[in-house]
Amino acid sequence: MAYKISDDCIMCGACENECPVSAISAGDGKYVIDPETCVECGACAGVCPVDAPKAE
């Protein structure tokens, strides 16, 4: 199941830089993950300072 970024996102950009498949992009007020591109590696969750990316 693809990861999804919660409203806890603080727009720091750490997850976008960590994603190996470039599935993460800046959205309106938070980063978003393209579920079609996400490979469920969890790299984004590992670097997020507020634990915003969650496995759906």
PDB file of N, CA and C in Angstrom:
ATOM      1  N   MET A   1       0.827  -1.177   0.000  1.00  0.00           N
ATOM      2  CA  MET A   1       0.000   0.000   0.000  1.00  0.00           C
ATOM      3  C   MET A   1       0.880   1.252   0.000  1.00  0.00           C
ATOM      4  N   ALA A   2       0.581   2.199  -0.820  1.00  0.00           N
ATOM      5  CA  ALA A   2       1.391   3.412  -0.937  1.00  0.00           C
ATOM      6  C   ALA A   2       1.335   4.248   0.336  1.00  0.00           C
ATOM      7  N   TYR A   3       2.381   5.021   0.535  1.00  0.00           N
ATOM      8  CA  TYR A   3       2.412   5.949   1.661  1.00  0.00           C
ATOM      9  C   TYR A   3       1.581   7.174   1.331  1.00  0.00           C
ATOM     10  N   LYS A   4       1.095   7.848   2.378  1.00  0.00           N
ATOM     11  CA  LYS A   4       0.347   9.084   2.229  1.00  0.00           C
ATOM     12  C   LYS A   4       0.859  10.046   3.303  1.00  0.00           C
ATOM     13  N   ILE A   5       0.945  11.324   2.956  1.00  0.00           N
ATOM     14  CA  ILE A   5       1.448  12.320   3.894  1.00  0.00           C
ATOM     15  C   ILE A   5       0.270  12.984   4.592  1.00  0.00           C
ATOM     16  N   SER A   6       0.328  12.976   5.926  1.00  0.00           N
ATOM     17  CA  SER A   6      -0.763  13.539   6.721  1.00  0.00           C
ATOM     18  C   SER A   6      -0.669  15.066   6.791  1.00  0.00           C
ATOM     19  N   ASP A   7      -1.677  15.666   7.394  1.00  0.00           N
ATOM     20  CA  ASP A   7      -1.704  17.115   7.561  1.00  0.00           C
ATOM     21  C   ASP A   7      -0.661  17.614   8.554  1.00  0.00           C
ATOM     22  N   ASP A   8       0.063  16.695   9.191  1.00  0.00           N
ATOM     23  CA  ASP A   8       1.142  17.085  10.105  1.00  0.00           C
ATOM     24  C   ASP A   8       2.360  17.634   9.360  1.00  0.00           C
ATOM     25  N   CYS A   9       2.387  17.486   8.048  1.00  0.00           N
ATOM     26  CA  CYS A   9       3.512  17.919   7.208  1.00  0.00           C
ATOM     27  C   CYS A   9       3.839  19.387   7.457  1.00  0.00           C
ATOM     28  N   ILE A  10       5.140  19.676   7.629  1.00  0.00           N
ATOM     29  CA  ILE A  10       5.590  21.054   7.848  1.00  0.00           C
ATOM     30  C   ILE A  10       6.317  21.616   6.621  1.00  0.00           C
ATOM     31  N   MET A  11       6.205  20.936   5.483  1.00  0.00           N
ATOM     32  CA  MET A  11       6.782  21.404   4.211  1.00  0.00           C
ATOM     33  C   MET A  11       8.303  21.600   4.278  1.00  0.00           C
ATOM     34  N   CYS A  12       9.004  20.728   4.993  1.00  0.00           N
ATOM     35  CA  CYS A  12      10.458  20.871   5.106  1.00  0.00           C
ATOM     36  C   CYS A  12      11.191  20.349   3.867  1.00  0.00           C
ATOM     37  N   GLY A  13      10.570  19.422   3.134  1.00  0.00           N
ATOM     38  CA  GLY A  13      11.165  18.898   1.911  1.00  0.00           C
ATOM     39  C   GLY A  13      12.093  17.711   2.092  1.00  0.00           C
ATOM     40  N   ALA A  14      12.298  17.260   3.309  1.00  0.00           N
ATOM     41  CA  ALA A  14      13.202  16.126   3.555  1.00  0.00           C
ATOM     42  C   ALA A  14      12.738  14.874   2.815  1.00  0.00           C
ATOM     43  N   CYS A  15      11.451  14.626   2.793  1.00  0.00           N
ATOM     44  CA  CYS A  15      10.920  13.424   2.151  1.00  0.00           C
ATOM     45  C   CYS A  15      11.096  13.461   0.639  1.00  0.00           C
ATOM     46  N   GLU A  16      10.881  14.614   0.047  1.00  0.00           N
ATOM     47  CA  GLU A  16      11.006  14.739  -1.415  1.00  0.00           C
ATOM     48  C   GLU A  16      12.417  14.385  -1.865  1.00  0.00           C
ATOM     49  N   ASN A  17      13.403  14.860  -1.142  1.00  0.00           N
ATOM     50  CA  ASN A  17      14.797  14.590  -1.491  1.00  0.00           C
ATOM     51  C   ASN A  17      15.195  13.139  -1.264  1.00  0.00           C
ATOM     52  N   GLU A  18      14.513  12.465  -0.361  1.00  0.00           N
ATOM     53  CA  GLU A  18      14.852  11.082  -0.005  1.00  0.00           C
ATOM     54  C   GLU A  18      14.204  10.043  -0.911  1.00  0.00           C
ATOM     55  N   CYS A  19      13.103  10.389  -1.555  1.00  0.00           N
ATOM     56  CA  CYS A  19      12.344   9.421  -2.359  1.00  0.00           C
ATOM     57  C   CYS A  19      13.162   8.941  -3.564  1.00  0.00           C
ATOM     58  N   PRO A  20      13.418   7.628  -3.662  1.00  0.00           N
ATOM     59  CA  PRO A  20      14.247   7.105  -4.749  1.00  0.00           C
ATOM     60  C   PRO A  20      13.553   7.084  -6.117  1.00  0.00           C
ATOM     61  N   VAL A  21      12.220   7.238  -6.135  1.00  0.00           N
ATOM     62  CA  VAL A  21      11.486   7.187  -7.401  1.00  0.00           C
ATOM     63  C   VAL A  21      10.781   8.503  -7.730  1.00  0.00           C
ATOM     64  N   SER A  22      11.111   9.553  -7.003  1.00  0.00           N
ATOM     65  CA  SER A  22      10.537  10.892  -7.222  1.00  0.00           C
ATOM     66  C   SER A  22       9.008  10.892  -7.206  1.00  0.00           C
ATOM     67  N   ALA A  23       8.432  10.176  -6.241  1.00  0.00           N
ATOM     68  CA  ALA A  23       6.975  10.097  -6.122  1.00  0.00           C
ATOM     69  C   ALA A  23       6.391  11.244  -5.302  1.00  0.00           C
ATOM     70  N   ILE A  24       7.249  12.050  -4.676  1.00  0.00           N
ATOM     71  CA  ILE A  24       6.797  13.096  -3.766  1.00  0.00           C
ATOM     72  C   ILE A  24       6.998  14.463  -4.393  1.00  0.00           C
ATOM     73  N   SER A  25       5.966  15.293  -4.269  1.00  0.00           N
ATOM     74  CA  SER A  25       6.054  16.663  -4.787  1.00  0.00           C
ATOM     75  C   SER A  25       5.311  17.606  -3.847  1.00  0.00           C
ATOM     76  N   ALA A  26       5.634  18.892  -3.951  1.00  0.00           N
ATOM     77  CA  ALA A  26       4.983  19.898  -3.117  1.00  0.00           C
ATOM     78  C   ALA A  26       3.530  20.049  -3.540  1.00  0.00           C
ATOM     79  N   GLY A  27       2.659  20.028  -2.567  1.00  0.00           N
ATOM     80  CA  GLY A  27       1.241  20.218  -2.826  1.00  0.00           C
ATOM     81  C   GLY A  27       0.778  21.527  -2.210  1.00  0.00           C
ATOM     82  N   ASP A  28      -0.487  21.638  -1.974  1.00  0.00           N
ATOM     83  CA  ASP A  28      -1.068  22.839  -1.396  1.00  0.00           C
ATOM     84  C   ASP A  28      -1.031  22.736   0.129  1.00  0.00           C
ATOM     85  N   GLY A  29       0.023  23.250   0.736  1.00  0.00           N
ATOM     86  CA  GLY A  29       0.154  23.226   2.186  1.00  0.00           C
ATOM     87  C   GLY A  29       0.859  22.015   2.757  1.00  0.00           C
ATOM     88  N   LYS A  30       1.091  21.003   1.941  1.00  0.00           N
ATOM     89  CA  LYS A  30       1.837  19.825   2.378  1.00  0.00           C
ATOM     90  C   LYS A  30       2.359  19.093   1.150  1.00  0.00           C
ATOM     91  N   TYR A  31       3.323  18.216   1.364  1.00  0.00           N
ATOM     92  CA  TYR A  31       3.828  17.396   0.264  1.00  0.00           C
ATOM     93  C   TYR A  31       2.835  16.270   0.005  1.00  0.00           C
ATOM     94  N   VAL A  32       2.825  15.786  -1.227  1.00  0.00           N
ATOM     95  CA  VAL A  32       1.923  14.696  -1.606  1.00  0.00           C
ATOM     96  C   VAL A  32       2.727  13.590  -2.283  1.00  0.00           C
ATOM     97  N   ILE A  33       2.222  12.373  -2.154  1.00  0.00           N
ATOM     98  CA  ILE A  33       2.865  11.203  -2.742  1.00  0.00           C
ATOM     99  C   ILE A  33       1.970  10.641  -3.829  1.00  0.00           C
ATOM    100  N   ASP A  34       2.526  10.438  -5.008  1.00  0.00           N
ATOM    101  CA  ASP A  34       1.790   9.824  -6.118  1.00  0.00           C
ATOM    102  C   ASP A  34       1.698   8.326  -5.834  1.00  0.00           C
ATOM    103  N   PRO A  35       0.506   7.816  -5.557  1.00  0.00           N
ATOM    104  CA  PRO A  35       0.373   6.397  -5.206  1.00  0.00           C
ATOM    105  C   PRO A  35       0.747   5.449  -6.348  1.00  0.00           C
ATOM    106  N   GLU A  36       0.674   5.921  -7.579  1.00  0.00           N
ATOM    107  CA  GLU A  36       1.037   5.090  -8.730  1.00  0.00           C
ATOM    108  C   GLU A  36       2.550   4.926  -8.856  1.00  0.00           C
ATOM    109  N   THR A  37       3.302   5.881  -8.317  1.00  0.00           N
ATOM    110  CA  THR A  37       4.762   5.865  -8.419  1.00  0.00           C
ATOM    111  C   THR A  37       5.419   5.297  -7.164  1.00  0.00           C
ATOM    112  N   CYS A  38       4.791   5.468  -6.026  1.00  0.00           N
ATOM    113  CA  CYS A  38       5.343   5.036  -4.732  1.00  0.00           C
ATOM    114  C   CYS A  38       5.651   3.538  -4.747  1.00  0.00           C
ATOM    115  N   VAL A  39       6.858   3.178  -4.287  1.00  0.00           N
ATOM    116  CA  VAL A  39       7.263   1.774  -4.216  1.00  0.00           C
ATOM    117  C   VAL A  39       7.246   1.251  -2.774  1.00  0.00           C
ATOM    118  N   GLU A  40       6.661   2.030  -1.882  1.00  0.00           N
ATOM    119  CA  GLU A  40       6.463   1.616  -0.491  1.00  0.00           C
ATOM    120  C   GLU A  40       7.753   1.287   0.238  1.00  0.00           C
ATOM    121  N   CYS A  41       8.820   1.999  -0.062  1.00  0.00           N
ATOM    122  CA  CYS A  41      10.116   1.711   0.565  1.00  0.00           C
ATOM    123  C   CYS A  41      10.228   2.270   1.980  1.00  0.00           C
ATOM    124  N   GLY A  42       9.454   3.311   2.293  1.00  0.00           N
ATOM    125  CA  GLY A  42       9.481   3.895   3.627  1.00  0.00           C
ATOM    126  C   GLY A  42      10.600   4.891   3.864  1.00  0.00           C
ATOM    127  N   ALA A  43      11.359   5.210   2.841  1.00  0.00           N
ATOM    128  CA  ALA A  43      12.465   6.163   3.009  1.00  0.00           C
ATOM    129  C   ALA A  43      11.957   7.522   3.488  1.00  0.00           C
ATOM    130  N   CYS A  44      10.815   7.941   2.980  1.00  0.00           N
ATOM    131  CA  CYS A  44      10.244   9.230   3.369  1.00  0.00           C
ATOM    132  C   CYS A  44       9.904   9.258   4.858  1.00  0.00           C
ATOM    133  N   ALA A  45       9.325   8.177   5.347  1.00  0.00           N
ATOM    134  CA  ALA A  45       8.945   8.099   6.755  1.00  0.00           C
ATOM    135  C   ALA A  45      10.174   8.131   7.657  1.00  0.00           C
ATOM    136  N   GLY A  46      11.260   7.574   7.179  1.00  0.00           N
ATOM    137  CA  GLY A  46      12.482   7.521   7.980  1.00  0.00           C
ATOM    138  C   GLY A  46      13.154   8.860   8.191  1.00  0.00           C
ATOM    139  N   VAL A  47      12.925   9.817   7.295  1.00  0.00           N
ATOM    140  CA  VAL A  47      13.583  11.119   7.416  1.00  0.00           C
ATOM    141  C   VAL A  47      12.649  12.230   7.884  1.00  0.00           C
ATOM    142  N   CYS A  48      11.368  11.991   7.951  1.00  0.00           N
ATOM    143  CA  CYS A  48      10.410  13.036   8.323  1.00  0.00           C
ATOM    144  C   CYS A  48      10.509  13.381   9.803  1.00  0.00           C
ATOM    145  N   PRO A  49      10.738  14.665  10.123  1.00  0.00           N
ATOM    146  CA  PRO A  49      10.863  15.043  11.537  1.00  0.00           C
ATOM    147  C   PRO A  49       9.536  15.037  12.305  1.00  0.00           C
ATOM    148  N   VAL A  50       8.405  14.978  11.615  1.00  0.00           N
ATOM    149  CA  VAL A  50       7.114  14.990  12.287  1.00  0.00           C
ATOM    150  C   VAL A  50       6.285  13.730  12.001  1.00  0.00           C
ATOM    151  N   ASP A  51       6.897  12.714  11.427  1.00  0.00           N
ATOM    152  CA  ASP A  51       6.221  11.440  11.134  1.00  0.00           C
ATOM    153  C   ASP A  51       4.959  11.601  10.295  1.00  0.00           C
ATOM    154  N   ALA A  52       4.998  12.499   9.299  1.00  0.00           N
ATOM    155  CA  ALA A  52       3.820  12.739   8.463  1.00  0.00           C
ATOM    156  C   ALA A  52       3.543  11.625   7.451  1.00  0.00           C
ATOM    157  N   PRO A  53       4.567  11.015   6.818  1.00  0.00           N
ATOM    158  CA  PRO A  53       4.256   9.924   5.877  1.00  0.00           C
ATOM    159  C   PRO A  53       3.824   8.652   6.622  1.00  0.00           C
ATOM    160  N   LYS A  54       2.693   8.129   6.215  1.00  0.00           N
ATOM    161  CA  LYS A  54       2.160   6.911   6.842  1.00  0.00           C
ATOM    162  C   LYS A  54       1.794   5.911   5.757  1.00  0.00           C
ATOM    163  N   ALA A  55       1.998   4.642   6.046  1.00  0.00           N
ATOM    164  CA  ALA A  55       1.586   3.586   5.121  1.00  0.00           C
ATOM    165  C   ALA A  55       0.063   3.504   5.176  1.00  0.00           C
ATOM    166  N   GLU A  56      -0.559   3.508   4.027  1.00  0.00           N
ATOM    167  CA  GLU A  56      -2.027   3.446   3.943  1.00  0.00           C
ATOM    168  C   GLU A  56      -2.486   2.018   3.853  1.00  0.00           C
TER     169      GLU A  56
END
